[in-house]
């Protein structure tokens, strides 16, 4: 193992919490895991060296803000997705998706008007809003201090779990994976990934696997379209298809029969009725790697709740730590989403390496709330994955993100986008295909 070299660039976006250190560690873990799997498949004597550049990482962690579509900047948050004053504090809502917005408005009994929402929330307690909106299927979280979150039973459950949960599901034999060349070194070449995730961490993980050579097929329910701008940002390297799991199980089983990895990003248990629990998938596809992602974790009273990065920041005390006397704040990037996405990709790559060596179907699980705990506890500046050496490759000036941005034509128009920060000797430098419009591909392997 050659180790990871870090290029330090002072001046990249940083919060009060060690966001830069978290971002470095997550990207470094992914780069090292990719290099190790690549070395195994290419028959190299040692893993290529990985490089983490603060500038590349900063650009990637703000990819949704750097994206331009025909010169237009996307709207990252809808008008009703924000902090609001309540009678006793603050509440954070998330209403980017139309169905979430409709449920929020129905729970509050108001029209689609920010002024009406503001007036309704000002008369109620934050915890009452949280409970009422959740009961209606919407998304709202009361602002909590770090101490208040630490006293919450969900926080106690999250703290019991490791940052990355690993499991071996059975004794399936090691899968024979074709060897690969070393120029460029594509660790996931020839591997098939079923992507059943939603914005943002899950798609970041599968976007990274696509960069590394995987054939990634994203599947969505026809009645739940992804927001077009978010899909453009995270759709690089993938194909996009729709599939109704309730009515077309045969197609899914055919896809699963040739899949190496299944990645899900829905609430824990939400897909179990379709036979998509790790155990059920492994029974039908021995040797598969199943990766699961959620907001709050798979255990505890909030395990079944929907959530997004902004809501987790509000609940776990991050918004208080990053705030001021004027109100709650936020991290300089959606670092929980992006960081967890790179950790999820790293976990998948590690599981593939272990499966190739030792066999067994594998499961990995991560949660945004657990990444939030890691951040608030403090992330060491030189923390590396699995003991990999981290070396200072020197410092360099930071004069903005431009050198890590590229442009390409696509079916969506002319795109400006941030390149991936995952870098190792001989590895890919960009995706081999731009994103396609949501749901335009056939539900089959290429």
Protein backbone atom coordinates (compact mmCIF):
# COMPACT_ATOMS: atom_id res chain seq x y z
CA UNK A 1 0.00 0.00 0.00
CA UNK A 2 1.66 3.17 -1.20
CA UNK A 3 -0.50 5.54 0.85
CA UNK A 4 -2.26 8.83 0.32
CA UNK A 5 -0.67 12.17 -0.44
CA UNK A 6 -2.54 15.35 0.44
CA UNK A 7 -2.14 18.70 -1.30
CA UNK A 8 -3.10 21.36 1.23
CA UNK A 9 -4.72 24.53 -0.09
CA UNK A 10 -5.48 27.20 2.46
CA UNK A 11 -8.52 29.24 1.62
CA UNK A 12 -10.84 26.46 0.49
CA UNK A 13 -14.34 26.72 2.02
CA UNK A 14 -14.25 25.81 5.69
CA UNK A 15 -16.71 25.97 8.56
CA UNK A 16 -16.24 26.05 12.30
CA UNK A 17 -16.35 22.29 12.31
CA UNK A 18 -13.55 20.36 10.55
CA UNK A 19 -15.32 20.05 7.21
CA UNK A 20 -12.10 20.15 5.20
CA UNK A 21 -10.63 17.30 7.23
CA UNK A 22 -13.80 15.23 6.86
CA UNK A 23 -13.84 15.80 3.11
CA UNK A 24 -10.18 14.81 2.77
CA UNK A 25 -10.70 11.63 4.79
CA UNK A 26 -13.79 10.55 2.84
CA UNK A 27 -12.25 11.14 -0.58
CA UNK A 28 -8.96 9.59 0.54
CA UNK A 29 -10.76 6.48 1.76
CA UNK A 30 -12.46 6.13 -1.61
CA UNK A 31 -9.29 6.72 -3.63
CA UNK A 32 -7.33 4.18 -1.58
CA UNK A 33 -10.08 1.56 -1.81
CA UNK A 34 -10.23 2.08 -5.58
CA UNK A 35 -6.46 1.76 -5.91
CA UNK A 36 -6.42 -1.44 -3.85
CA UNK A 37 -9.17 -3.11 -5.89
CA UNK A 38 -7.51 -1.96 -9.10
CA UNK A 39 -4.19 -3.45 -8.04
CA UNK A 40 -5.85 -6.77 -7.19
CA UNK A 41 -7.64 -7.00 -10.54
CA UNK A 42 -4.67 -5.80 -12.59
CA UNK A 43 -2.19 -8.07 -10.80
CA UNK A 44 -0.01 -5.19 -9.60
CA UNK A 45 2.59 -5.81 -6.91
CA UNK A 46 1.39 -2.84 -4.89
CA UNK A 47 -1.46 -0.37 -4.94
CA UNK A 48 -0.99 2.86 -6.89
CA UNK A 49 -0.53 5.97 -4.82
CA UNK A 50 -3.64 8.04 -4.11
CA UNK A 51 -3.74 11.82 -4.18
CA UNK A 52 -6.17 14.09 -2.35
CA UNK A 53 -6.11 17.72 -3.46
CA UNK A 54 -8.02 20.19 -1.29
CA UNK A 55 -9.00 22.18 -4.36
CA UNK A 56 -10.48 19.21 -6.20
CA UNK A 57 -12.29 18.09 -3.05
CA UNK A 58 -13.74 21.54 -2.41
CA UNK A 59 -15.03 21.79 -5.98
CA UNK A 60 -16.60 18.32 -5.84
CA UNK A 61 -18.30 18.92 -2.47
CA UNK A 62 -20.00 21.92 -4.07
CA UNK A 63 -20.76 20.18 -7.37
CA UNK A 64 -24.46 21.04 -7.33
CA UNK A 65 -23.58 24.74 -6.99
CA UNK A 66 -20.92 24.69 -9.71
CA UNK A 67 -23.21 23.02 -12.23
CA UNK A 68 -24.35 25.16 -15.14
CA UNK A 69 -26.87 23.95 -17.74
CA UNK A 70 -26.65 26.08 -20.87
CA UNK A 71 -25.26 28.80 -18.64
CA UNK A 72 -28.09 28.56 -16.13
CA UNK A 73 -27.37 27.91 -12.46
CA UNK A 74 -29.74 25.40 -10.84
CA UNK A 75 -31.89 26.29 -7.86
CA UNK A 76 -30.57 24.05 -5.08
CA UNK A 77 -33.33 24.72 -2.53
CA UNK A 78 -37.00 25.48 -3.13
CA UNK A 79 -38.62 28.51 -1.40
CA UNK A 80 -40.20 26.34 1.31
CA UNK A 81 -36.95 24.49 2.10
CA UNK A 82 -35.38 26.64 4.80
CA UNK A 83 -35.26 27.56 8.49
CA UNK A 84 -38.35 29.21 10.00
CA UNK A 85 -38.94 30.86 13.35
CA UNK A 86 -41.43 29.13 15.60
CA UNK A 87 -43.04 30.20 18.86
CA UNK A 88 -40.16 28.71 20.83
CA UNK A 89 -37.22 28.41 18.43
CA UNK A 90 -36.55 27.26 14.89
CA UNK A 91 -37.61 24.50 12.53
CA UNK A 92 -36.06 23.36 9.25
CA UNK A 93 -38.29 22.16 6.43
CA UNK A 94 -37.48 20.35 3.20
CA UNK A 95 -39.93 20.73 0.32
CA UNK A 96 -37.87 20.44 -2.85
CA UNK A 97 -39.97 17.56 -4.18
CA UNK A 98 -43.59 18.39 -5.11
CA UNK A 99 -45.05 15.59 -2.96
CA UNK A 100 -43.10 16.75 0.09
CA UNK A 101 -44.23 20.33 -0.47
CA UNK A 102 -47.86 19.21 -0.75
CA UNK A 103 -47.64 17.24 2.51
CA UNK A 104 -46.02 20.13 4.35
CA UNK A 105 -48.75 22.54 3.25
CA UNK A 106 -51.49 20.03 4.09
CA UNK A 107 -50.05 19.47 7.56
CA UNK A 108 -49.98 23.20 8.25
CA UNK A 109 -53.31 23.88 6.53
CA UNK A 110 -51.97 26.78 4.46
CA UNK A 111 -51.64 27.65 0.75
CA UNK A 112 -48.41 27.49 -1.22
CA UNK A 113 -47.21 30.88 -0.01
CA UNK A 114 -44.05 31.46 2.07
CA UNK A 115 -45.77 34.24 4.02
CA UNK A 116 -48.62 31.90 4.99
CA UNK A 117 -46.17 29.20 6.05
CA UNK A 118 -44.18 31.71 8.08
CA UNK A 119 -47.29 32.95 9.90
CA UNK A 120 -48.49 29.41 10.69
CA UNK A 121 -45.13 28.27 12.03
CA UNK A 122 -44.68 31.37 14.19
CA UNK A 123 -47.66 30.30 16.28
CA UNK A 124 -46.51 26.74 16.99
CA UNK A 125 -43.69 25.06 18.84
CA UNK A 126 -40.86 23.54 16.83
CA UNK A 127 -41.38 20.04 18.24
CA UNK A 128 -45.12 20.22 17.50
CA UNK A 129 -44.36 21.18 13.89
CA UNK A 130 -41.85 18.35 13.63
CA UNK A 131 -44.37 15.78 14.82
CA UNK A 132 -47.31 17.14 12.82
CA UNK A 133 -45.48 17.37 9.52
CA UNK A 134 -43.88 13.95 9.98
CA UNK A 135 -47.30 12.41 10.67
CA UNK A 136 -48.48 13.86 7.35
CA UNK A 137 -45.55 12.35 5.47
CA UNK A 138 -43.69 15.64 5.15
CA UNK A 139 -40.25 16.77 6.27
CA UNK A 140 -39.59 19.15 9.14
CA UNK A 141 -37.07 18.96 11.97
CA UNK A 142 -36.81 21.10 15.09
CA UNK A 143 -33.48 22.80 15.62
CA UNK A 144 -31.55 21.11 18.42
CA UNK A 145 -28.33 21.96 20.19
CA UNK A 146 -25.60 19.31 20.36
CA UNK A 147 -26.63 18.58 23.96
CA UNK A 148 -30.30 18.24 23.04
CA UNK A 149 -29.44 15.83 20.23
CA UNK A 150 -27.12 13.82 22.48
CA UNK A 151 -30.07 13.29 24.84
CA UNK A 152 -32.32 12.06 22.03
CA UNK A 153 -32.84 8.27 21.84
CA UNK A 154 -32.00 8.29 18.13
CA UNK A 155 -28.62 9.84 18.87
CA UNK A 156 -27.93 7.05 21.36
CA UNK A 157 -28.70 4.41 18.72
CA UNK A 158 -26.52 6.15 16.13
CA UNK A 159 -23.60 6.37 18.55
CA UNK A 160 -23.67 2.60 19.08
CA UNK A 161 -22.83 1.92 15.44
CA UNK A 162 -19.54 2.23 13.58
CA UNK A 163 -19.16 4.87 10.89
CA UNK A 164 -19.35 2.11 8.27
CA UNK A 165 -21.20 -1.10 9.11
CA UNK A 166 -19.87 -4.20 7.35
CA UNK A 167 -21.46 -7.62 7.25
CA UNK A 168 -21.01 -11.01 5.58
CA UNK A 169 -24.36 -12.47 4.61
CA UNK A 170 -23.48 -16.03 3.59
CA UNK A 171 -20.74 -18.38 2.46
CA UNK A 172 -21.09 -17.79 -1.27
CA UNK A 173 -17.91 -18.61 -3.18
CA UNK A 174 -15.65 -15.84 -4.40
CA UNK A 175 -16.88 -14.51 -7.71
CA UNK A 176 -14.52 -14.79 -10.64
CA UNK A 177 -13.91 -11.27 -11.91
CA UNK A 178 -12.12 -10.72 -15.19
CA UNK A 179 -8.64 -9.19 -14.94
CA UNK A 180 -8.21 -5.62 -16.13
CA UNK A 181 -5.47 -3.59 -17.73
CA UNK A 182 -3.58 -0.85 -15.96
CA UNK A 183 -3.94 2.02 -18.44
CA UNK A 184 -6.23 3.52 -17.43
CA UNK A 185 -6.76 1.56 -14.26
CA UNK A 186 -10.52 1.09 -13.84
CA UNK A 187 -11.10 -0.93 -10.66
CA UNK A 188 -14.83 -1.44 -11.28
CA UNK A 189 -14.59 -2.23 -15.00
CA UNK A 190 -17.11 -4.86 -16.06
CA UNK A 191 -19.03 -4.73 -12.78
CA UNK A 192 -22.75 -4.02 -12.83
CA UNK A 193 -24.35 -1.72 -10.27
CA UNK A 194 -28.09 -1.34 -9.69
CA UNK A 195 -28.59 2.19 -8.38
CA UNK A 196 -31.79 2.60 -6.35
CA UNK A 197 -30.90 5.86 -4.67
CA UNK A 198 -32.17 9.43 -4.47
CA UNK A 199 -30.44 12.75 -4.01
CA UNK A 200 -27.69 13.23 -2.89
CA UNK A 201 -25.31 10.89 -1.07
CA UNK A 202 -26.35 7.69 -2.85
CA UNK A 203 -26.08 9.19 -6.35
CA UNK A 204 -22.66 10.63 -5.44
CA UNK A 205 -21.52 7.10 -4.52
CA UNK A 206 -22.82 5.51 -7.71
CA UNK A 207 -21.51 8.41 -9.81
CA UNK A 208 -18.09 7.58 -8.36
CA UNK A 209 -18.44 3.87 -9.17
CA UNK A 210 -19.32 4.87 -12.72
CA UNK A 211 -16.14 6.95 -12.92
CA UNK A 212 -14.20 3.85 -11.91
CA UNK A 213 -15.60 1.79 -14.76
CA UNK A 214 -18.79 0.26 -13.40
CA UNK A 215 -21.89 -0.15 -15.58
CA UNK A 216 -24.34 1.81 -13.41
CA UNK A 217 -28.07 1.59 -14.11
CA UNK A 218 -30.19 3.92 -12.04
CA UNK A 219 -33.75 2.77 -11.48
CA UNK A 220 -36.59 5.03 -10.31
CA UNK A 221 -40.29 4.55 -9.83
CA UNK A 222 -42.15 6.12 -12.76
CA UNK A 223 -44.33 8.19 -10.41
CA UNK A 224 -41.38 9.70 -8.50
CA UNK A 225 -39.30 11.69 -11.00
CA UNK A 226 -36.00 13.11 -9.85
CA UNK A 227 -35.52 16.87 -9.87
CA UNK A 228 -33.91 17.55 -13.26
CA UNK A 229 -31.02 19.71 -12.02
CA UNK A 230 -30.08 17.27 -9.28
CA UNK A 231 -30.22 14.42 -11.77
CA UNK A 232 -27.90 16.33 -14.10
CA UNK A 233 -25.35 16.85 -11.34
CA UNK A 234 -25.20 13.23 -10.18
CA UNK A 235 -26.01 11.41 -13.42
CA UNK A 236 -22.54 11.42 -14.97
CA UNK A 237 -21.41 8.02 -16.23
CA UNK A 238 -24.80 6.36 -15.64
CA UNK A 239 -27.86 5.27 -17.52
CA UNK A 240 -31.32 6.15 -16.18
CA UNK A 241 -34.44 3.99 -16.41
CA UNK A 242 -37.82 3.75 -14.72
CA UNK A 243 -39.24 0.54 -13.30
CA UNK A 244 -42.32 -0.13 -11.21
CA UNK A 245 -41.25 -2.79 -8.73
CA UNK A 246 -44.85 -3.49 -7.82
CA UNK A 247 -45.85 -4.54 -11.33
CA UNK A 248 -42.66 -5.56 -13.14
CA UNK A 249 -40.76 -7.84 -10.81
CA UNK A 250 -39.64 -10.03 -13.68
CA UNK A 251 -37.51 -7.26 -15.20
CA UNK A 252 -35.95 -6.49 -11.85
CA UNK A 253 -35.10 -10.14 -11.24
CA UNK A 254 -33.44 -10.31 -14.65
CA UNK A 255 -31.35 -7.25 -13.78
CA UNK A 256 -30.49 -8.60 -10.34
CA UNK A 257 -29.40 -11.90 -11.87
CA UNK A 258 -26.48 -10.12 -13.53
CA UNK A 259 -25.75 -7.46 -10.90
CA UNK A 260 -22.60 -7.35 -8.80
CA UNK A 261 -23.73 -4.50 -6.55
CA UNK A 262 -27.10 -3.16 -5.40
CA UNK A 263 -27.15 0.30 -3.79
CA UNK A 264 -30.30 1.56 -2.05
CA UNK A 265 -30.96 4.99 -0.59
CA UNK A 266 -34.48 4.73 0.77
CA UNK A 267 -35.68 4.57 4.36
CA UNK A 268 -34.63 1.34 6.13
CA UNK A 269 -37.18 -1.34 5.42
CA UNK A 270 -39.02 0.68 2.76
CA UNK A 271 -37.95 -1.71 -0.02
CA UNK A 272 -38.17 -4.94 1.96
CA UNK A 273 -41.66 -5.69 0.63
CA UNK A 274 -40.09 -5.95 -2.82
CA UNK A 275 -37.56 -8.51 -1.62
CA UNK A 276 -34.73 -5.97 -1.47
CA UNK A 277 -33.39 -6.60 2.01
CA UNK A 278 -29.71 -7.60 1.96
CA UNK A 279 -30.53 -11.14 3.02
CA UNK A 280 -33.23 -11.58 0.36
CA UNK A 281 -31.01 -10.18 -2.37
CA UNK A 282 -28.10 -12.42 -1.39
CA UNK A 283 -30.36 -15.48 -1.42
CA UNK A 284 -31.32 -14.78 -5.04
CA UNK A 285 -27.91 -13.45 -6.16
CA UNK A 286 -25.16 -15.14 -4.10
CA UNK A 287 -21.97 -13.09 -3.95
CA UNK A 288 -23.73 -9.75 -4.37
CA UNK A 289 -22.62 -6.62 -2.49
CA UNK A 290 -25.57 -4.72 -0.99
CA UNK A 291 -24.99 -1.13 0.09
CA UNK A 292 -27.61 0.74 2.10
CA UNK A 293 -27.80 4.42 2.91
CA UNK A 294 -30.24 6.31 5.12
CA UNK A 295 -30.54 9.64 6.89
CA UNK A 296 -30.99 8.60 10.50
CA UNK A 297 -29.72 5.02 10.62
CA UNK A 298 -31.41 1.64 10.56
CA UNK A 299 -32.20 1.49 14.28
CA UNK A 300 -34.02 3.58 16.85
CA UNK A 301 -37.24 5.62 16.87
CA UNK A 302 -36.28 7.67 13.80
CA UNK A 303 -35.09 4.74 11.69
CA UNK A 304 -38.19 4.93 9.50
CA UNK A 305 -38.07 8.68 8.96
CA UNK A 306 -37.15 10.39 5.73
CA UNK A 307 -34.32 12.86 5.88
CA UNK A 308 -31.85 14.99 3.98
CA UNK A 309 -28.49 16.57 4.76
CA UNK A 310 -30.01 19.92 5.77
CA UNK A 311 -32.41 18.24 8.20
CA UNK A 312 -29.68 16.14 9.77
CA UNK A 313 -27.58 19.29 10.27
CA UNK A 314 -30.55 20.90 12.05
CA UNK A 315 -31.31 17.94 14.31
CA UNK A 316 -27.76 17.00 15.33
CA UNK A 317 -26.61 20.42 16.53
CA UNK A 318 -24.48 21.28 13.50
CA UNK A 319 -26.75 24.20 12.55
CA UNK A 320 -26.34 25.60 16.06
CA UNK A 321 -22.56 25.21 16.00
CA UNK A 322 -22.39 26.89 12.59
CA UNK A 323 -24.94 29.57 13.49
CA UNK A 324 -24.82 33.00 15.09
CA UNK A 325 -26.89 35.26 17.28
CA UNK A 326 -29.10 35.89 14.25
CA UNK A 327 -30.07 32.27 13.89
CA UNK A 328 -28.98 28.80 12.80
CA UNK A 329 -26.31 28.30 10.16
CA UNK A 330 -25.11 25.56 7.86
CA UNK A 331 -21.93 23.88 6.74
CA UNK A 332 -20.24 25.51 3.73
CA UNK A 333 -21.25 22.48 1.66
CA UNK A 334 -23.68 19.60 1.98
CA UNK A 335 -20.75 17.75 3.46
CA UNK A 336 -22.80 15.03 5.13
CA UNK A 337 -24.23 14.04 1.76
CA UNK A 338 -21.01 14.26 -0.23
CA UNK A 339 -18.81 12.79 2.48
CA UNK A 340 -21.13 9.86 3.11
CA UNK A 341 -21.37 9.31 -0.65
CA UNK A 342 -17.61 8.85 -0.99
CA UNK A 343 -17.52 6.65 2.12
CA UNK A 344 -20.30 4.52 0.64
CA UNK A 345 -18.38 4.10 -2.62
CA UNK A 346 -15.27 3.21 -0.60
CA UNK A 347 -17.23 0.62 1.38
CA UNK A 348 -18.53 -0.97 -1.81
CA UNK A 349 -15.03 -1.14 -3.29
CA UNK A 350 -13.67 -2.72 -0.08
CA UNK A 351 -16.50 -5.24 -0.06
CA UNK A 352 -15.78 -6.17 -3.68
CA UNK A 353 -12.12 -6.69 -2.80
CA UNK A 354 -13.03 -8.89 0.17
CA UNK A 355 -15.55 -10.85 -1.87
CA UNK A 356 -12.96 -11.52 -4.58
CA UNK A 357 -10.50 -12.82 -1.99
CA UNK A 358 -12.71 -14.57 0.56
CA UNK A 359 -16.15 -15.03 -0.98
CA UNK A 360 -19.43 -14.35 0.75
CA UNK A 361 -22.22 -11.96 -0.12
CA UNK A 362 -21.51 -8.64 1.58
CA UNK A 363 -23.50 -5.81 3.09
CA UNK A 364 -22.43 -2.29 3.99
CA UNK A 365 -24.52 0.40 5.65
CA UNK A 366 -24.03 4.11 6.34
CA UNK A 367 -26.16 6.94 7.71
CA UNK A 368 -25.90 10.71 7.43
CA UNK A 369 -26.52 11.05 11.16
CA UNK A 370 -23.52 8.82 11.91
CA UNK A 371 -21.32 10.92 9.61
CA UNK A 372 -22.62 13.99 11.47
CA UNK A 373 -21.48 12.46 14.77
CA UNK A 374 -18.03 11.82 13.30
CA UNK A 375 -17.84 15.46 12.24
CA UNK A 376 -19.00 16.93 15.55
CA UNK A 377 -16.64 14.66 17.48
CA UNK A 378 -13.76 16.03 15.41
CA UNK A 379 -12.08 14.46 12.38
CA UNK A 380 -8.31 14.18 12.57
CA UNK A 381 -6.50 16.15 9.86
CA UNK A 382 -4.39 13.10 8.96
CA UNK A 383 -7.01 10.42 9.42
CA UNK A 384 -6.63 7.78 6.73
CA UNK A 385 -8.66 4.71 5.76
CA UNK A 386 -7.74 1.43 7.42
CA UNK A 387 -4.38 2.64 8.57
CA UNK A 388 -3.18 3.88 5.19
CA UNK A 389 -0.28 6.28 5.49
CA UNK A 390 -1.17 9.92 4.86
CA UNK A 391 1.65 12.14 3.69
CA UNK A 392 1.78 15.88 3.23
CA UNK A 393 2.44 16.47 -0.47
CA UNK A 394 3.00 20.14 0.18
CA UNK A 395 0.85 23.22 -0.03
CA UNK A 396 -0.31 25.22 -3.02
CA UNK A 397 -2.34 28.37 -3.51
CA UNK A 398 -6.11 28.18 -3.90
CA UNK A 399 -7.48 30.67 -6.39
CA UNK A 400 -10.95 29.24 -6.85
CA UNK A 401 -12.45 26.08 -8.34
CA UNK A 402 -11.88 26.80 -12.03
CA UNK A 403 -9.09 24.31 -12.64
CA UNK A 404 -11.29 21.45 -11.37
CA UNK A 405 -14.29 22.33 -13.54
CA UNK A 406 -14.95 21.03 -17.06
CA UNK A 407 -17.55 21.46 -19.77
CA UNK A 408 -19.27 18.98 -22.08
CA UNK A 409 -22.20 18.77 -24.45
CA UNK A 410 -25.04 16.44 -23.51
CA UNK A 411 -28.65 15.67 -24.29
CA UNK A 412 -29.44 18.08 -21.45
CA UNK A 413 -27.48 20.91 -23.06
CA UNK A 414 -24.04 22.37 -22.48
CA UNK A 415 -22.90 21.42 -18.98
CA UNK A 416 -20.27 22.92 -16.73
CA UNK A 417 -19.50 20.52 -13.91
CA UNK A 418 -16.99 19.61 -11.21
CA UNK A 419 -14.73 16.66 -11.96
CA UNK A 420 -14.39 13.85 -9.46
CA UNK A 421 -11.80 14.34 -6.68
CA UNK A 422 -11.04 10.59 -6.52
CA UNK A 423 -7.50 10.32 -7.86
CA UNK A 424 -4.79 7.65 -7.92
CA UNK A 425 -1.85 6.85 -10.19
CA UNK A 426 -3.08 5.56 -13.55
CA UNK A 427 -6.73 6.09 -12.65
CA UNK A 428 -9.46 7.85 -14.65
CA UNK A 429 -9.67 11.63 -14.67
CA UNK A 430 -13.25 12.09 -15.89
CA UNK A 431 -16.46 10.23 -16.71
CA UNK A 432 -16.81 8.55 -20.06
CA UNK A 433 -20.34 9.84 -20.64
CA UNK A 434 -22.46 12.85 -19.63
CA UNK A 435 -25.80 12.47 -17.86
CA UNK A 436 -28.91 11.62 -19.85
CA UNK A 437 -32.45 12.91 -19.27
CA UNK A 438 -34.15 11.16 -16.39
CA UNK A 439 -35.79 7.85 -17.23
CA UNK A 440 -34.84 7.77 -20.93
CA UNK A 441 -32.91 4.48 -20.98
CA UNK A 442 -34.31 0.97 -21.17
CA UNK A 443 -34.27 -1.09 -17.99
CA UNK A 444 -31.58 -3.46 -19.18
CA UNK A 445 -27.83 -3.82 -18.97
CA UNK A 446 -25.79 -2.20 -21.69
